[in-house]
Amino acid sequence: DHLNVPLSSSVMERFSNDCLQIKLEANCRECDVFIIQPLGPPVQENLMELLLMLDTARGASAARATAVIPYFSYSRSDKKDAPRISIAGRLVADLLGTA
């Protein structure tokens, strides 16, 4: 509202095998796209939606796709606190960069 930029909607479809499909309603060709998605509960579902939205925007020829994550649930997992554990924060950041 403050930026005088309208919000565009997206449509999420869930298939019978529980997979998701995202469709962005607006044409985003050569536009800067900002996707706002907090990673609060249900964390994994919200993360997957965000990854799919980023991939959809890039596939639709957006000039740039930026994830705005007001709450990043994996932010405390930024280092190895014990042997044989994952650094989930780094993994999620890598996934976001790849999507």
PDB file of N, CA and C in Angstrom:
ATOM      1  N   ASP A   1       0.821  -1.188   0.000  1.00  0.00           N
ATOM      2  CA  ASP A   1       0.000   0.000   0.000  1.00  0.00           C
ATOM      3  C   ASP A   1       0.875   1.265   0.000  1.00  0.00           C
ATOM      4  N   HIS A   2       1.963   1.247   0.751  1.00  0.00           N
ATOM      5  CA  HIS A   2       2.833   2.419   0.838  1.00  0.00           C
ATOM      6  C   HIS A   2       3.671   2.622  -0.422  1.00  0.00           C
ATOM      7  N   LEU A   3       3.889   1.564  -1.173  1.00  0.00           N
ATOM      8  CA  LEU A   3       4.727   1.659  -2.368  1.00  0.00           C
ATOM      9  C   LEU A   3       3.916   1.912  -3.633  1.00  0.00           C
ATOM     10  N   ASN A   4       2.605   1.968  -3.493  1.00  0.00           N
ATOM     11  CA  ASN A   4       1.712   2.119  -4.642  1.00  0.00           C
ATOM     12  C   ASN A   4       1.924   1.028  -5.682  1.00  0.00           C
ATOM     13  N   VAL A   5       2.186  -0.179  -5.206  1.00  0.00           N
ATOM     14  CA  VAL A   5       2.351  -1.340  -6.063  1.00  0.00           C
ATOM     15  C   VAL A   5       1.288  -2.356  -5.649  1.00  0.00           C
ATOM     16  N   PRO A   6       0.457  -2.778  -6.574  1.00  0.00           N
ATOM     17  CA  PRO A   6      -0.594  -3.731  -6.200  1.00  0.00           C
ATOM     18  C   PRO A   6      -0.015  -5.112  -5.902  1.00  0.00           C
ATOM     19  N   LEU A   7      -0.630  -5.799  -4.955  1.00  0.00           N
ATOM     20  CA  LEU A   7      -0.260  -7.182  -4.685  1.00  0.00           C
ATOM     21  C   LEU A   7      -0.914  -8.068  -5.731  1.00  0.00           C
ATOM     22  N   SER A   8      -0.189  -9.030  -6.212  1.00  0.00           N
ATOM     23  CA  SER A   8      -0.738  -9.981  -7.179  1.00  0.00           C
ATOM     24  C   SER A   8      -0.993 -11.297  -6.471  1.00  0.00           C
ATOM     25  N   SER A   9      -1.976 -11.996  -6.941  1.00  0.00           N
ATOM     26  CA  SER A   9      -2.321 -13.254  -6.284  1.00  0.00           C
ATOM     27  C   SER A   9      -1.661 -14.433  -6.988  1.00  0.00           C
ATOM     28  N   SER A  10      -1.672 -15.538  -6.288  1.00  0.00           N
ATOM     29  CA  SER A  10      -1.195 -16.799  -6.844  1.00  0.00           C
ATOM     30  C   SER A  10      -2.232 -17.863  -6.504  1.00  0.00           C
ATOM     31  N   VAL A  11      -2.209 -18.925  -7.269  1.00  0.00           N
ATOM     32  CA  VAL A  11      -3.128 -20.033  -7.045  1.00  0.00           C
ATOM     33  C   VAL A  11      -2.296 -21.267  -6.738  1.00  0.00           C
ATOM     34  N   MET A  12      -2.616 -21.909  -5.620  1.00  0.00           N
ATOM     35  CA  MET A  12      -1.926 -23.138  -5.250  1.00  0.00           C
ATOM     36  C   MET A  12      -2.899 -24.293  -5.418  1.00  0.00           C
ATOM     37  N   GLU A  13      -2.454 -25.313  -6.110  1.00  0.00           N
ATOM     38  CA  GLU A  13      -3.270 -26.510  -6.295  1.00  0.00           C
ATOM     39  C   GLU A  13      -2.538 -27.680  -5.664  1.00  0.00           C
ATOM     40  N   ARG A  14      -3.274 -28.479  -4.913  1.00  0.00           N
ATOM     41  CA  ARG A  14      -2.700 -29.670  -4.281  1.00  0.00           C
ATOM     42  C   ARG A  14      -3.258 -30.892  -5.005  1.00  0.00           C
ATOM     43  N   PHE A  15      -2.359 -31.722  -5.508  1.00  0.00           N
ATOM     44  CA  PHE A  15      -2.768 -32.924  -6.214  1.00  0.00           C
ATOM     45  C   PHE A  15      -3.070 -34.049  -5.228  1.00  0.00           C
ATOM     46  N   SER A  16      -3.652 -35.130  -5.719  1.00  0.00           N
ATOM     47  CA  SER A  16      -4.044 -36.245  -4.851  1.00  0.00           C
ATOM     48  C   SER A  16      -2.845 -36.909  -4.171  1.00  0.00           C
ATOM     49  N   ASN A  17      -1.653 -36.777  -4.760  1.00  0.00           N
ATOM     50  CA  ASN A  17      -0.453 -37.344  -4.135  1.00  0.00           C
ATOM     51  C   ASN A  17       0.228 -36.351  -3.195  1.00  0.00           C
ATOM     52  N   ASP A  18      -0.450 -35.243  -2.875  1.00  0.00           N
ATOM     53  CA  ASP A  18      -0.018 -34.200  -1.941  1.00  0.00           C
ATOM     54  C   ASP A  18       1.040 -33.256  -2.516  1.00  0.00           C
ATOM     55  N   CYS A  19       1.362 -33.385  -3.803  1.00  0.00           N
ATOM     56  CA  CYS A  19       2.296 -32.448  -4.437  1.00  0.00           C
ATOM     57  C   CYS A  19       1.574 -31.131  -4.721  1.00  0.00           C
ATOM     58  N   LEU A  20       2.350 -30.057  -4.773  1.00  0.00           N
ATOM     59  CA  LEU A  20       1.793 -28.723  -4.983  1.00  0.00           C
ATOM     60  C   LEU A  20       2.123 -28.204  -6.372  1.00  0.00           C
ATOM     61  N   GLN A  21       1.237 -27.364  -6.877  1.00  0.00           N
ATOM     62  CA  GLN A  21       1.497 -26.618  -8.106  1.00  0.00           C
ATOM     63  C   GLN A  21       1.112 -25.174  -7.840  1.00  0.00           C
ATOM     64  N   ILE A  22       1.996 -24.252  -8.217  1.00  0.00           N
ATOM     65  CA  ILE A  22       1.764 -22.827  -8.006  1.00  0.00           C
ATOM     66  C   ILE A  22       1.609 -22.143  -9.358  1.00  0.00           C
ATOM     67  N   LYS A  23       0.615 -21.266  -9.450  1.00  0.00           N
ATOM     68  CA  LYS A  23       0.459 -20.438 -10.647  1.00  0.00           C
ATOM     69  C   LYS A  23       0.396 -18.988 -10.196  1.00  0.00           C
ATOM     70  N   LEU A  24       1.255 -18.154 -10.766  1.00  0.00           N
ATOM     71  CA  LEU A  24       1.211 -16.722 -10.494  1.00  0.00           C
ATOM     72  C   LEU A  24       0.183 -16.106 -11.435  1.00  0.00           C
ATOM     73  N   GLU A  25      -0.732 -15.340 -10.893  1.00  0.00           N
ATOM     74  CA  GLU A  25      -1.827 -14.784 -11.685  1.00  0.00           C
ATOM     75  C   GLU A  25      -1.384 -13.625 -12.579  1.00  0.00           C
ATOM     76  N   ALA A  26      -0.395 -12.874 -12.172  1.00  0.00           N
ATOM     77  CA  ALA A  26       0.032 -11.697 -12.939  1.00  0.00           C
ATOM     78  C   ALA A  26       1.181 -12.053 -13.882  1.00  0.00           C
ATOM     79  N   ASN A  27       1.257 -11.338 -14.984  1.00  0.00           N
ATOM     80  CA  ASN A  27       2.383 -11.465 -15.897  1.00  0.00           C
ATOM     81  C   ASN A  27       3.594 -10.808 -15.232  1.00  0.00           C
ATOM     82  N   CYS A  28       4.667 -11.549 -15.072  1.00  0.00           N
ATOM     83  CA  CYS A  28       5.842 -10.987 -14.401  1.00  0.00           C
ATOM     84  C   CYS A  28       7.064 -10.945 -15.321  1.00  0.00           C
ATOM     85  N   ARG A  29       6.848 -11.071 -16.620  1.00  0.00           N
ATOM     86  CA  ARG A  29       7.958 -11.029 -17.579  1.00  0.00           C
ATOM     87  C   ARG A  29       8.704  -9.700 -17.463  1.00  0.00           C
ATOM     88  N   GLU A  30      10.022  -9.794 -17.271  1.00  0.00           N
ATOM     89  CA  GLU A  30      10.917  -8.635 -17.161  1.00  0.00           C
ATOM     90  C   GLU A  30      10.568  -7.699 -15.997  1.00  0.00           C
ATOM     91  N   CYS A  31       9.885  -8.213 -14.989  1.00  0.00           N
ATOM     92  CA  CYS A  31       9.538  -7.420 -13.799  1.00  0.00           C
ATOM     93  C   CYS A  31      10.353  -7.899 -12.604  1.00  0.00           C
ATOM     94  N   ASP A  32      10.510  -7.031 -11.629  1.00  0.00           N
ATOM     95  CA  ASP A  32      11.078  -7.433 -10.349  1.00  0.00           C
ATOM     96  C   ASP A  32       9.941  -7.997  -9.512  1.00  0.00           C
ATOM     97  N   VAL A  33      10.097  -9.228  -9.064  1.00  0.00           N
ATOM     98  CA  VAL A  33       9.056  -9.917  -8.299  1.00  0.00           C
ATOM     99  C   VAL A  33       9.543 -10.086  -6.866  1.00  0.00           C
ATOM    100  N   PHE A  34       8.705  -9.708  -5.918  1.00  0.00           N
ATOM    101  CA  PHE A  34       8.996  -9.884  -4.500  1.00  0.00           C
ATOM    102  C   PHE A  34       7.963 -10.846  -3.938  1.00  0.00           C
ATOM    103  N   ILE A  35       8.432 -11.961  -3.418  1.00  0.00           N
ATOM    104  CA  ILE A  35       7.540 -12.969  -2.852  1.00  0.00           C
ATOM    105  C   ILE A  35       7.691 -12.924  -1.341  1.00  0.00           C
ATOM    106  N   ILE A  36       6.595 -12.634  -0.659  1.00  0.00           N
ATOM    107  CA  ILE A  36       6.602 -12.501   0.798  1.00  0.00           C
ATOM    108  C   ILE A  36       6.048 -13.787   1.383  1.00  0.00           C
ATOM    109  N   GLN A  37       6.870 -14.485   2.160  1.00  0.00           N
ATOM    110  CA  GLN A  37       6.450 -15.758   2.744  1.00  0.00           C
ATOM    111  C   GLN A  37       7.198 -15.987   4.048  1.00  0.00           C
ATOM    112  N   PRO A  38       6.527 -15.876   5.191  1.00  0.00           N
ATOM    113  CA  PRO A  38       7.193 -16.226   6.446  1.00  0.00           C
ATOM    114  C   PRO A  38       7.361 -17.740   6.531  1.00  0.00           C
ATOM    115  N   LEU A  39       8.408 -18.177   7.177  1.00  0.00           N
ATOM    116  CA  LEU A  39       8.646 -19.613   7.318  1.00  0.00           C
ATOM    117  C   LEU A  39       8.290 -20.079   8.724  1.00  0.00           C
ATOM    118  N   GLY A  40       7.098 -19.727   9.150  1.00  0.00           N
ATOM    119  CA  GLY A  40       6.568 -20.214  10.417  1.00  0.00           C
ATOM    120  C   GLY A  40       5.796 -21.503  10.177  1.00  0.00           C
ATOM    121  N   PRO A  41       5.225 -22.067  11.228  1.00  0.00           N
ATOM    122  CA  PRO A  41       4.487 -23.331  11.094  1.00  0.00           C
ATOM    123  C   PRO A  41       3.306 -23.196  10.136  1.00  0.00           C
ATOM    124  N   PRO A  42       3.082 -24.184   9.311  1.00  0.00           N
ATOM    125  CA  PRO A  42       3.854 -25.397   9.043  1.00  0.00           C
ATOM    126  C   PRO A  42       5.084 -25.063   8.191  1.00  0.00           C
ATOM    127  N   VAL A  43       6.245 -25.179   8.779  1.00  0.00           N
ATOM    128  CA  VAL A  43       7.493 -24.690   8.186  1.00  0.00           C
ATOM    129  C   VAL A  43       7.788 -25.333   6.839  1.00  0.00           C
ATOM    130  N   GLN A  44       7.755 -26.662   6.781  1.00  0.00           N
ATOM    131  CA  GLN A  44       8.152 -27.344   5.547  1.00  0.00           C
ATOM    132  C   GLN A  44       7.189 -27.026   4.406  1.00  0.00           C
ATOM    133  N   GLU A  45       5.904 -26.931   4.695  1.00  0.00           N
ATOM    134  CA  GLU A  45       4.938 -26.602   3.649  1.00  0.00           C
ATOM    135  C   GLU A  45       5.140 -25.172   3.154  1.00  0.00           C
ATOM    136  N   ASN A  46       5.361 -24.242   4.067  1.00  0.00           N
ATOM    137  CA  ASN A  46       5.600 -22.850   3.667  1.00  0.00           C
ATOM    138  C   ASN A  46       6.896 -22.711   2.884  1.00  0.00           C
ATOM    139  N   LEU A  47       7.922 -23.467   3.271  1.00  0.00           N
ATOM    140  CA  LEU A  47       9.191 -23.442   2.541  1.00  0.00           C
ATOM    141  C   LEU A  47       9.003 -23.970   1.123  1.00  0.00           C
ATOM    142  N   MET A  48       8.285 -25.068   0.979  1.00  0.00           N
ATOM    143  CA  MET A  48       8.066 -25.642  -0.350  1.00  0.00           C
ATOM    144  C   MET A  48       7.258 -24.689  -1.224  1.00  0.00           C
ATOM    145  N   GLU A  49       6.250 -24.041  -0.654  1.00  0.00           N
ATOM    146  CA  GLU A  49       5.480 -23.049  -1.413  1.00  0.00           C
ATOM    147  C   GLU A  49       6.382 -21.913  -1.894  1.00  0.00           C
ATOM    148  N   LEU A  50       7.259 -21.442  -1.022  1.00  0.00           N
ATOM    149  CA  LEU A  50       8.173 -20.360  -1.385  1.00  0.00           C
ATOM    150  C   LEU A  50       9.112 -20.789  -2.505  1.00  0.00           C
ATOM    151  N   LEU A  51       9.688 -21.983  -2.397  1.00  0.00           N
ATOM    152  CA  LEU A  51      10.587 -22.481  -3.439  1.00  0.00           C
ATOM    153  C   LEU A  51       9.863 -22.592  -4.778  1.00  0.00           C
ATOM    154  N   LEU A  52       8.641 -23.101  -4.749  1.00  0.00           N
ATOM    155  CA  LEU A  52       7.874 -23.231  -5.989  1.00  0.00           C
ATOM    156  C   LEU A  52       7.508 -21.871  -6.572  1.00  0.00           C
ATOM    157  N   MET A  53       7.169 -20.905  -5.718  1.00  0.00           N
ATOM    158  CA  MET A  53       6.847 -19.563  -6.222  1.00  0.00           C
ATOM    159  C   MET A  53       8.069 -18.903  -6.854  1.00  0.00           C
ATOM    160  N   LEU A  54       9.240 -19.050  -6.226  1.00  0.00           N
ATOM    161  CA  LEU A  54      10.463 -18.490  -6.803  1.00  0.00           C
ATOM    162  C   LEU A  54      10.767 -19.127  -8.153  1.00  0.00           C
ATOM    163  N   ASP A  55      10.648 -20.446  -8.220  1.00  0.00           N
ATOM    164  CA  ASP A  55      10.912 -21.155  -9.467  1.00  0.00           C
ATOM    165  C   ASP A  55       9.907 -20.754 -10.545  1.00  0.00           C
ATOM    166  N   THR A  56       8.654 -20.573 -10.154  1.00  0.00           N
ATOM    167  CA  THR A  56       7.623 -20.153 -11.103  1.00  0.00           C
ATOM    168  C   THR A  56       7.919 -18.757 -11.646  1.00  0.00           C
ATOM    169  N   ALA A  57       8.312 -17.845 -10.777  1.00  0.00           N
ATOM    170  CA  ALA A  57       8.632 -16.479 -11.216  1.00  0.00           C
ATOM    171  C   ALA A  57       9.820 -16.482 -12.171  1.00  0.00           C
ATOM    172  N   ARG A  58      10.841 -17.239 -11.848  1.00  0.00           N
ATOM    173  CA  ARG A  58      12.011 -17.297 -12.736  1.00  0.00           C
ATOM    174  C   ARG A  58      11.661 -17.956 -14.058  1.00  0.00           C
ATOM    175  N   GLY A  59      10.820 -18.997 -14.002  1.00  0.00           N
ATOM    176  CA  GLY A  59      10.376 -19.666 -15.224  1.00  0.00           C
ATOM    177  C   GLY A  59       9.486 -18.785 -16.087  1.00  0.00           C
ATOM    178  N   ALA A  60       8.842 -17.796 -15.470  1.00  0.00           N
ATOM    179  CA  ALA A  60       7.981 -16.856 -16.196  1.00  0.00           C
ATOM    180  C   ALA A  60       8.764 -15.632 -16.663  1.00  0.00           C
ATOM    181  N   SER A  61      10.077 -15.720 -16.657  1.00  0.00           N
ATOM    182  CA  SER A  61      10.976 -14.675 -17.160  1.00  0.00           C
ATOM    183  C   SER A  61      10.960 -13.394 -16.346  1.00  0.00           C
ATOM    184  N   ALA A  62      10.786 -13.518 -15.023  1.00  0.00           N
ATOM    185  CA  ALA A  62      10.911 -12.337 -14.168  1.00  0.00           C
ATOM    186  C   ALA A  62      12.343 -11.827 -14.264  1.00  0.00           C
ATOM    187  N   ALA A  63      12.510 -10.521 -14.267  1.00  0.00           N
ATOM    188  CA  ALA A  63      13.857  -9.948 -14.313  1.00  0.00           C
ATOM    189  C   ALA A  63      14.636 -10.345 -13.066  1.00  0.00           C
ATOM    190  N   ARG A  64      13.942 -10.340 -11.938  1.00  0.00           N
ATOM    191  CA  ARG A  64      14.568 -10.689 -10.666  1.00  0.00           C
ATOM    192  C   ARG A  64      13.466 -11.198  -9.744  1.00  0.00           C
ATOM    193  N   ALA A  65      13.747 -12.268  -9.004  1.00  0.00           N
ATOM    194  CA  ALA A  65      12.797 -12.801  -8.022  1.00  0.00           C
ATOM    195  C   ALA A  65      13.463 -12.739  -6.655  1.00  0.00           C
ATOM    196  N   THR A  66      12.849 -12.014  -5.734  1.00  0.00           N
ATOM    197  CA  THR A  66      13.407 -11.809  -4.402  1.00  0.00           C
ATOM    198  C   THR A  66      12.462 -12.384  -3.365  1.00  0.00           C
ATOM    199  N   ALA A  67      12.995 -13.212  -2.477  1.00  0.00           N
ATOM    200  CA  ALA A  67      12.204 -13.756  -1.370  1.00  0.00           C
ATOM    201  C   ALA A  67      12.310 -12.811  -0.186  1.00  0.00           C
ATOM    202  N   VAL A  68      11.166 -12.381   0.316  1.00  0.00           N
ATOM    203  CA  VAL A  68      11.096 -11.573   1.532  1.00  0.00           C
ATOM    204  C   VAL A  68      10.571 -12.507   2.612  1.00  0.00           C
ATOM    205  N   ILE A  69      11.428 -12.820   3.591  1.00  0.00           N
ATOM    206  CA  ILE A  69      11.085 -13.814   4.612  1.00  0.00           C
ATOM    207  C   ILE A  69      11.068 -13.125   5.970  1.00  0.00           C
ATOM    208  N   PRO A  70       9.883 -12.642   6.405  1.00  0.00           N
ATOM    209  CA  PRO A  70       9.813 -11.923   7.687  1.00  0.00           C
ATOM    210  C   PRO A  70      10.228 -12.780   8.881  1.00  0.00           C
ATOM    211  N   TYR A  71       9.960 -14.074   8.807  1.00  0.00           N
ATOM    212  CA  TYR A  71      10.384 -14.978   9.881  1.00  0.00           C
ATOM    213  C   TYR A  71      11.076 -16.162   9.240  1.00  0.00           C
ATOM    214  N   PHE A  72      12.363 -16.325   9.511  1.00  0.00           N
ATOM    215  CA  PHE A  72      13.167 -17.410   8.947  1.00  0.00           C
ATOM    216  C   PHE A  72      13.405 -18.431  10.049  1.00  0.00           C
ATOM    217  N   SER A  73      12.610 -19.501  10.044  1.00  0.00           N
ATOM    218  CA  SER A  73      12.614 -20.450  11.157  1.00  0.00           C
ATOM    219  C   SER A  73      13.939 -21.192  11.329  1.00  0.00           C
ATOM    220  N   TYR A  74      14.745 -21.277  10.306  1.00  0.00           N
ATOM    221  CA  TYR A  74      16.017 -21.997  10.412  1.00  0.00           C
ATOM    222  C   TYR A  74      17.189 -21.078  10.768  1.00  0.00           C
ATOM    223  N   SER A  75      16.921 -19.864  11.157  1.00  0.00           N
ATOM    224  CA  SER A  75      17.998 -18.898  11.402  1.00  0.00           C
ATOM    225  C   SER A  75      18.918 -19.300  12.553  1.00  0.00           C
ATOM    226  N   ARG A  76      18.430 -20.089  13.482  1.00  0.00           N
ATOM    227  CA  ARG A  76      19.281 -20.501  14.611  1.00  0.00           C
ATOM    228  C   ARG A  76      20.138 -21.718  14.278  1.00  0.00           C
ATOM    229  N   SER A  77      19.902 -22.317  13.128  1.00  0.00           N
ATOM    230  CA  SER A  77      20.689 -23.466  12.702  1.00  0.00           C
ATOM    231  C   SER A  77      21.739 -22.992  11.706  1.00  0.00           C
ATOM    232  N   ASP A  78      22.680 -22.179  12.202  1.00  0.00           N
ATOM    233  CA  ASP A  78      23.683 -21.585  11.320  1.00  0.00           C
ATOM    234  C   ASP A  78      25.080 -22.146  11.535  1.00  0.00           C
ATOM    235  N   LYS A  79      25.209 -23.079  12.461  1.00  0.00           N
ATOM    236  CA  LYS A  79      26.521 -23.699  12.710  1.00  0.00           C
ATOM    237  C   LYS A  79      26.305 -25.086  13.278  1.00  0.00           C
ATOM    238  N   LYS A  80      27.372 -25.876  13.250  1.00  0.00           N
ATOM    239  CA  LYS A  80      27.311 -27.224  13.804  1.00  0.00           C
ATOM    240  C   LYS A  80      27.501 -27.159  15.305  1.00  0.00           C
ATOM    241  N   ASP A  81      26.479 -27.537  16.048  1.00  0.00           N
ATOM    242  CA  ASP A  81      26.564 -27.558  17.505  1.00  0.00           C
ATOM    243  C   ASP A  81      27.031 -28.902  18.032  1.00  0.00           C
ATOM    244  N   ALA A  82      26.971 -29.917  17.194  1.00  0.00           N
ATOM    245  CA  ALA A  82      27.364 -31.271  17.581  1.00  0.00           C
ATOM    246  C   ALA A  82      27.777 -32.010  16.313  1.00  0.00           C
ATOM    247  N   PRO A  83      28.500 -33.115  16.469  1.00  0.00           N
ATOM    248  CA  PRO A  83      28.883 -33.875  15.277  1.00  0.00           C
ATOM    249  C   PRO A  83      27.669 -34.538  14.619  1.00  0.00           C
ATOM    250  N   ARG A  84      27.765 -34.767  13.318  1.00  0.00           N
ATOM    251  CA  ARG A  84      26.766 -35.489  12.535  1.00  0.00           C
ATOM    252  C   ARG A  84      25.390 -34.833  12.538  1.00  0.00           C
ATOM    253  N   ILE A  85      25.349 -33.497  12.524  1.00  0.00           N
ATOM    254  CA  ILE A  85      24.074 -32.795  12.374  1.00  0.00           C
ATOM    255  C   ILE A  85      24.152 -31.874  11.158  1.00  0.00           C
ATOM    256  N   SER A  86      23.011 -31.561  10.649  1.00  0.00           N
ATOM    257  CA  SER A  86      22.918 -30.690   9.476  1.00  0.00           C
ATOM    258  C   SER A  86      22.951 -29.225   9.894  1.00  0.00           C
ATOM    259  N   ILE A  87      23.489 -28.388   9.026  1.00  0.00           N
ATOM    260  CA  ILE A  87      23.393 -26.940   9.209  1.00  0.00           C
ATOM    261  C   ILE A  87      22.213 -26.510   8.334  1.00  0.00           C
ATOM    262  N   ALA A  88      21.018 -26.602   8.906  1.00  0.00           N
ATOM    263  CA  ALA A  88      19.784 -26.406   8.141  1.00  0.00           C
ATOM    264  C   ALA A  88      19.671 -24.995   7.582  1.00  0.00           C
ATOM    265  N   GLY A  89      20.139 -24.002   8.309  1.00  0.00           N
ATOM    266  CA  GLY A  89      20.065 -22.626   7.814  1.00  0.00           C
ATOM    267  C   GLY A  89      20.818 -22.456   6.510  1.00  0.00           C
ATOM    268  N   ARG A  90      22.000 -23.041   6.425  1.00  0.00           N
ATOM    269  CA  ARG A  90      22.792 -22.969   5.190  1.00  0.00           C
ATOM    270  C   ARG A  90      22.105 -23.733   4.059  1.00  0.00           C
ATOM    271  N   LEU A  91      21.581 -24.912   4.379  1.00  0.00           N
ATOM    272  CA  LEU A  91      20.902 -25.719   3.370  1.00  0.00           C
ATOM    273  C   LEU A  91      19.699 -24.978   2.789  1.00  0.00           C
ATOM    274  N   VAL A  92      18.881 -24.376   3.651  1.00  0.00           N
ATOM    275  CA  VAL A  92      17.706 -23.640   3.176  1.00  0.00           C
ATOM    276  C   VAL A  92      18.138 -22.432   2.340  1.00  0.00           C
ATOM    277  N   ALA A  93      19.184 -21.731   2.762  1.00  0.00           N
ATOM    278  CA  ALA A  93      19.692 -20.598   1.980  1.00  0.00           C
ATOM    279  C   ALA A  93      20.163 -21.065   0.601  1.00  0.00           C
ATOM    280  N   ASP A  94      20.840 -22.206   0.542  1.00  0.00           N
ATOM    281  CA  ASP A  94      21.280 -22.757  -0.739  1.00  0.00           C
ATOM    282  C   ASP A  94      20.085 -23.120  -1.622  1.00  0.00           C
ATOM    283  N   LEU A  95      19.055 -23.715  -1.025  1.00  0.00           N
ATOM    284  CA  LEU A  95      17.851 -24.070  -1.778  1.00  0.00           C
ATOM    285  C   LEU A  95      17.176 -22.825  -2.355  1.00  0.00           C
ATOM    286  N   LEU A  96      17.096 -21.774  -1.547  1.00  0.00           N
ATOM    287  CA  LEU A  96      16.478 -20.532  -2.012  1.00  0.00           C
ATOM    288  C   LEU A  96      17.273 -19.918  -3.165  1.00  0.00           C
ATOM    289  N   GLY A  97      18.591 -20.001  -3.088  1.00  0.00           N
ATOM    290  CA  GLY A  97      19.429 -19.467  -4.159  1.00  0.00           C
ATOM    291  C   GLY A  97      19.305 -20.252  -5.450  1.00  0.00           C
ATOM    292  N   THR A  98      19.026 -21.536  -5.330  1.00  0.00           N
ATOM    293  CA  THR A  98      18.912 -22.401  -6.498  1.00  0.00           C
ATOM    294  C   THR A  98      17.531 -22.332  -7.140  1.00  0.00           C
ATOM    295  N   ALA A  99      16.501 -22.109  -6.333  1.00  0.00           N
ATOM    296  CA  ALA A  99      15.104 -22.169  -6.835  1.00  0.00           C
ATOM    297  C   ALA A  99      14.826 -21.132  -7.900  1.00  0.00           C
TER     298      ALA A  99
END
